[in-house]
């Protein structure tokens, strides 16, 4: 059974256009997860973000426990760039943000030829 996790999609407006904050998952942890996200408006300095650590046997079956950050970096991106960088299964969250905000007549996923990932 797939594990489920939740997250936030932070966005801000720059010159009237939304930017989204994307984080890069840290460690060898990301396989087989279902993610749910909510959008919130806010602003932060990505250089000031600090991540929790998790322990994992790594390499697999080695008997050695290592700690990895859940997130190893964060950066603000325009919607167009975010849709290219985000994990494919999460593109729908960015597209939905734009649709909800009403800034585009056509969803960015269609305009950029990107299929919406599983919810």
C-alpha atoms as a PDB file:
ATOM      1  CA  UNK A   1       0.000   0.000   0.000  1.00  0.00           C
ATOM      2  CA  UNK A   2       1.325   3.446  -0.923  1.00  0.00           C
ATOM      3  CA  UNK A   3       2.114   5.841   1.899  1.00  0.00           C
ATOM      4  CA  UNK A   4       0.291   9.161   1.935  1.00  0.00           C
ATOM      5  CA  UNK A   5       1.845  12.461   2.941  1.00  0.00           C
ATOM      6  CA  UNK A   6       0.654  16.050   2.847  1.00  0.00           C
ATOM      7  CA  UNK A   7       2.296  19.328   1.983  1.00  0.00           C
ATOM      8  CA  UNK A   8       1.794  22.994   1.261  1.00  0.00           C
ATOM      9  CA  UNK A   9       2.298  24.784  -2.037  1.00  0.00           C
ATOM     10  CA  UNK A  10       3.461  28.252  -1.018  1.00  0.00           C
ATOM     11  CA  UNK A  11       3.050  30.997  -3.580  1.00  0.00           C
ATOM     12  CA  UNK A  12       3.660  34.719  -3.765  1.00  0.00           C
ATOM     13  CA  UNK A  13       2.881  37.403  -6.323  1.00  0.00           C
ATOM     14  CA  UNK A  14       5.705  39.180  -8.153  1.00  0.00           C
ATOM     15  CA  UNK A  15       4.584  41.895 -10.573  1.00  0.00           C
ATOM     16  CA  UNK A  16       1.086  40.403 -10.438  1.00  0.00           C
ATOM     17  CA  UNK A  17       2.268  36.920 -11.466  1.00  0.00           C
ATOM     18  CA  UNK A  18       2.370  33.950  -9.097  1.00  0.00           C
ATOM     19  CA  UNK A  19       5.648  32.297  -8.140  1.00  0.00           C
ATOM     20  CA  UNK A  20       5.713  28.999  -6.277  1.00  0.00           C
ATOM     21  CA  UNK A  21       8.211  27.753  -3.720  1.00  0.00           C
ATOM     22  CA  UNK A  22       9.539  24.319  -4.643  1.00  0.00           C
ATOM     23  CA  UNK A  23      11.676  22.182  -2.386  1.00  0.00           C
ATOM     24  CA  UNK A  24      13.947  19.361  -3.463  1.00  0.00           C
ATOM     25  CA  UNK A  25      13.371  16.154  -1.471  1.00  0.00           C
ATOM     26  CA  UNK A  26      16.514  15.025   0.309  1.00  0.00           C
ATOM     27  CA  UNK A  27      17.963  11.538   0.580  1.00  0.00           C
ATOM     28  CA  UNK A  28      16.829   8.350  -1.157  1.00  0.00           C
ATOM     29  CA  UNK A  29      13.339   8.671   0.336  1.00  0.00           C
ATOM     30  CA  UNK A  30      10.904   9.712  -2.373  1.00  0.00           C
ATOM     31  CA  UNK A  31       9.792   6.457  -4.018  1.00  0.00           C
ATOM     32  CA  UNK A  32       6.137   5.308  -3.963  1.00  0.00           C
ATOM     33  CA  UNK A  33       4.510   8.204  -2.103  1.00  0.00           C
ATOM     34  CA  UNK A  34       1.144   9.810  -2.725  1.00  0.00           C
ATOM     35  CA  UNK A  35       1.184  13.538  -1.949  1.00  0.00           C
ATOM     36  CA  UNK A  36      -1.647  15.946  -1.200  1.00  0.00           C
ATOM     37  CA  UNK A  37      -0.968  19.689  -1.164  1.00  0.00           C
ATOM     38  CA  UNK A  38      -2.697  22.917  -0.232  1.00  0.00           C
ATOM     39  CA  UNK A  39      -1.800  26.362  -1.571  1.00  0.00           C
ATOM     40  CA  UNK A  40      -1.065  29.229   0.801  1.00  0.00           C
ATOM     41  CA  UNK A  41       0.092  32.727  -0.007  1.00  0.00           C
ATOM     42  CA  UNK A  42       3.227  33.813   1.783  1.00  0.00           C
ATOM     43  CA  UNK A  43       6.829  34.793   1.397  1.00  0.00           C
ATOM     44  CA  UNK A  44      10.051  33.499   2.857  1.00  0.00           C
ATOM     45  CA  UNK A  45      13.769  33.418   2.238  1.00  0.00           C
ATOM     46  CA  UNK A  46      14.555  29.892   0.985  1.00  0.00           C
ATOM     47  CA  UNK A  47      18.096  30.199   2.372  1.00  0.00           C
ATOM     48  CA  UNK A  48      16.581  30.394   5.880  1.00  0.00           C
ATOM     49  CA  UNK A  49      14.547  27.180   5.626  1.00  0.00           C
ATOM     50  CA  UNK A  50      15.620  24.292   7.847  1.00  0.00           C
ATOM     51  CA  UNK A  51      14.569  20.695   7.312  1.00  0.00           C
ATOM     52  CA  UNK A  52      13.813  17.820   9.633  1.00  0.00           C
ATOM     53  CA  UNK A  53      16.035  14.763   9.380  1.00  0.00           C
ATOM     54  CA  UNK A  54      14.943  11.166   8.990  1.00  0.00           C
ATOM     55  CA  UNK A  55      16.860   7.935   9.571  1.00  0.00           C
ATOM     56  CA  UNK A  56      17.018   5.232   6.950  1.00  0.00           C
ATOM     57  CA  UNK A  57      18.986   2.051   6.499  1.00  0.00           C
ATOM     58  CA  UNK A  58      21.317   3.036   3.666  1.00  0.00           C
ATOM     59  CA  UNK A  59      22.558   1.411   1.555  1.00  0.00           C
ATOM     60  CA  UNK A  60      19.636  -1.035   1.696  1.00  0.00           C
ATOM     61  CA  UNK A  61      20.302  -4.204   3.717  1.00  0.00           C
ATOM     62  CA  UNK A  62      23.632  -2.789   4.939  1.00  0.00           C
ATOM     63  CA  UNK A  63      22.582  -2.607   8.586  1.00  0.00           C
ATOM     64  CA  UNK A  64      23.823   1.012   8.650  1.00  0.00           C
ATOM     65  CA  UNK A  65      21.437   3.799   9.646  1.00  0.00           C
ATOM     66  CA  UNK A  66      22.037   7.187   8.056  1.00  0.00           C
ATOM     67  CA  UNK A  67      20.261  10.489   8.523  1.00  0.00           C
ATOM     68  CA  UNK A  68      19.026  12.510   5.565  1.00  0.00           C
ATOM     69  CA  UNK A  69      17.255  15.876   5.353  1.00  0.00           C
ATOM     70  CA  UNK A  70      13.646  15.660   4.199  1.00  0.00           C
ATOM     71  CA  UNK A  71      14.396  18.739   2.069  1.00  0.00           C
ATOM     72  CA  UNK A  72      17.874  19.713   0.917  1.00  0.00           C
ATOM     73  CA  UNK A  73      17.102  23.015  -0.857  1.00  0.00           C
ATOM     74  CA  UNK A  74      14.272  25.391  -1.788  1.00  0.00           C
ATOM     75  CA  UNK A  75      13.824  28.082  -4.435  1.00  0.00           C
ATOM     76  CA  UNK A  76      11.120  30.365  -5.850  1.00  0.00           C
ATOM     77  CA  UNK A  77      10.114  29.717  -9.482  1.00  0.00           C
ATOM     78  CA  UNK A  78       7.699  31.228 -11.967  1.00  0.00           C
ATOM     79  CA  UNK A  79       4.766  28.965 -12.789  1.00  0.00           C
ATOM     80  CA  UNK A  80       6.251  28.117 -16.198  1.00  0.00           C
ATOM     81  CA  UNK A  81       9.617  27.063 -14.714  1.00  0.00           C
ATOM     82  CA  UNK A  82       7.993  25.313 -11.735  1.00  0.00           C
ATOM     83  CA  UNK A  83       5.943  23.144 -14.093  1.00  0.00           C
ATOM     84  CA  UNK A  84       9.166  22.022 -15.752  1.00  0.00           C
ATOM     85  CA  UNK A  85      11.059  21.343 -12.509  1.00  0.00           C
ATOM     86  CA  UNK A  86       8.412  19.848 -10.234  1.00  0.00           C
ATOM     87  CA  UNK A  87       7.985  16.095  -9.822  1.00  0.00           C
ATOM     88  CA  UNK A  88       5.588  15.098 -12.651  1.00  0.00           C
ATOM     89  CA  UNK A  89       2.958  13.675 -10.286  1.00  0.00           C
ATOM     90  CA  UNK A  90       2.727  17.098  -8.571  1.00  0.00           C
ATOM     91  CA  UNK A  91       2.350  19.312 -11.675  1.00  0.00           C
ATOM     92  CA  UNK A  92      -1.399  19.314 -11.226  1.00  0.00           C
ATOM     93  CA  UNK A  93      -1.052  21.249  -7.964  1.00  0.00           C
ATOM     94  CA  UNK A  94       0.716  24.152  -9.691  1.00  0.00           C
ATOM     95  CA  UNK A  95      -1.737  24.069 -12.596  1.00  0.00           C
ATOM     96  CA  UNK A  96      -4.648  24.067 -10.141  1.00  0.00           C
ATOM     97  CA  UNK A  97      -3.229  27.101  -8.325  1.00  0.00           C
ATOM     98  CA  UNK A  98      -3.181  29.080 -11.567  1.00  0.00           C
ATOM     99  CA  UNK A  99      -6.681  27.917 -12.463  1.00  0.00           C
ATOM    100  CA  UNK A 100      -8.053  28.832  -9.022  1.00  0.00           C
ATOM    101  CA  UNK A 101      -6.384  32.250  -9.101  1.00  0.00           C
ATOM    102  CA  UNK A 102      -7.920  32.864 -12.524  1.00  0.00           C
ATOM    103  CA  UNK A 103      -4.720  34.298 -14.011  1.00  0.00           C
ATOM    104  CA  UNK A 104      -4.936  32.207 -17.185  1.00  0.00           C
ATOM    105  CA  UNK A 105      -7.778  31.294 -19.507  1.00  0.00           C
ATOM    106  CA  UNK A 106      -6.071  28.008 -20.319  1.00  0.00           C
ATOM    107  CA  UNK A 107      -4.529  25.741 -17.652  1.00  0.00           C
ATOM    108  CA  UNK A 108      -0.717  25.885 -17.805  1.00  0.00           C
ATOM    109  CA  UNK A 109      -0.530  22.103 -18.110  1.00  0.00           C
ATOM    110  CA  UNK A 110      -2.429  22.273 -21.412  1.00  0.00           C
ATOM    111  CA  UNK A 111      -0.528  25.333 -22.645  1.00  0.00           C
ATOM    112  CA  UNK A 112       2.812  23.640 -21.922  1.00  0.00           C
ATOM    113  CA  UNK A 113       1.707  20.195 -23.130  1.00  0.00           C
ATOM    114  CA  UNK A 114       2.076  18.637 -19.678  1.00  0.00           C
ATOM    115  CA  UNK A 115      -0.325  15.971 -18.463  1.00  0.00           C
ATOM    116  CA  UNK A 116      -1.772  16.381 -14.987  1.00  0.00           C
ATOM    117  CA  UNK A 117      -0.272  13.835 -12.590  1.00  0.00           C
ATOM    118  CA  UNK A 118      -2.325  11.570 -10.336  1.00  0.00           C
ATOM    119  CA  UNK A 119      -4.089  13.308  -7.468  1.00  0.00           C
END
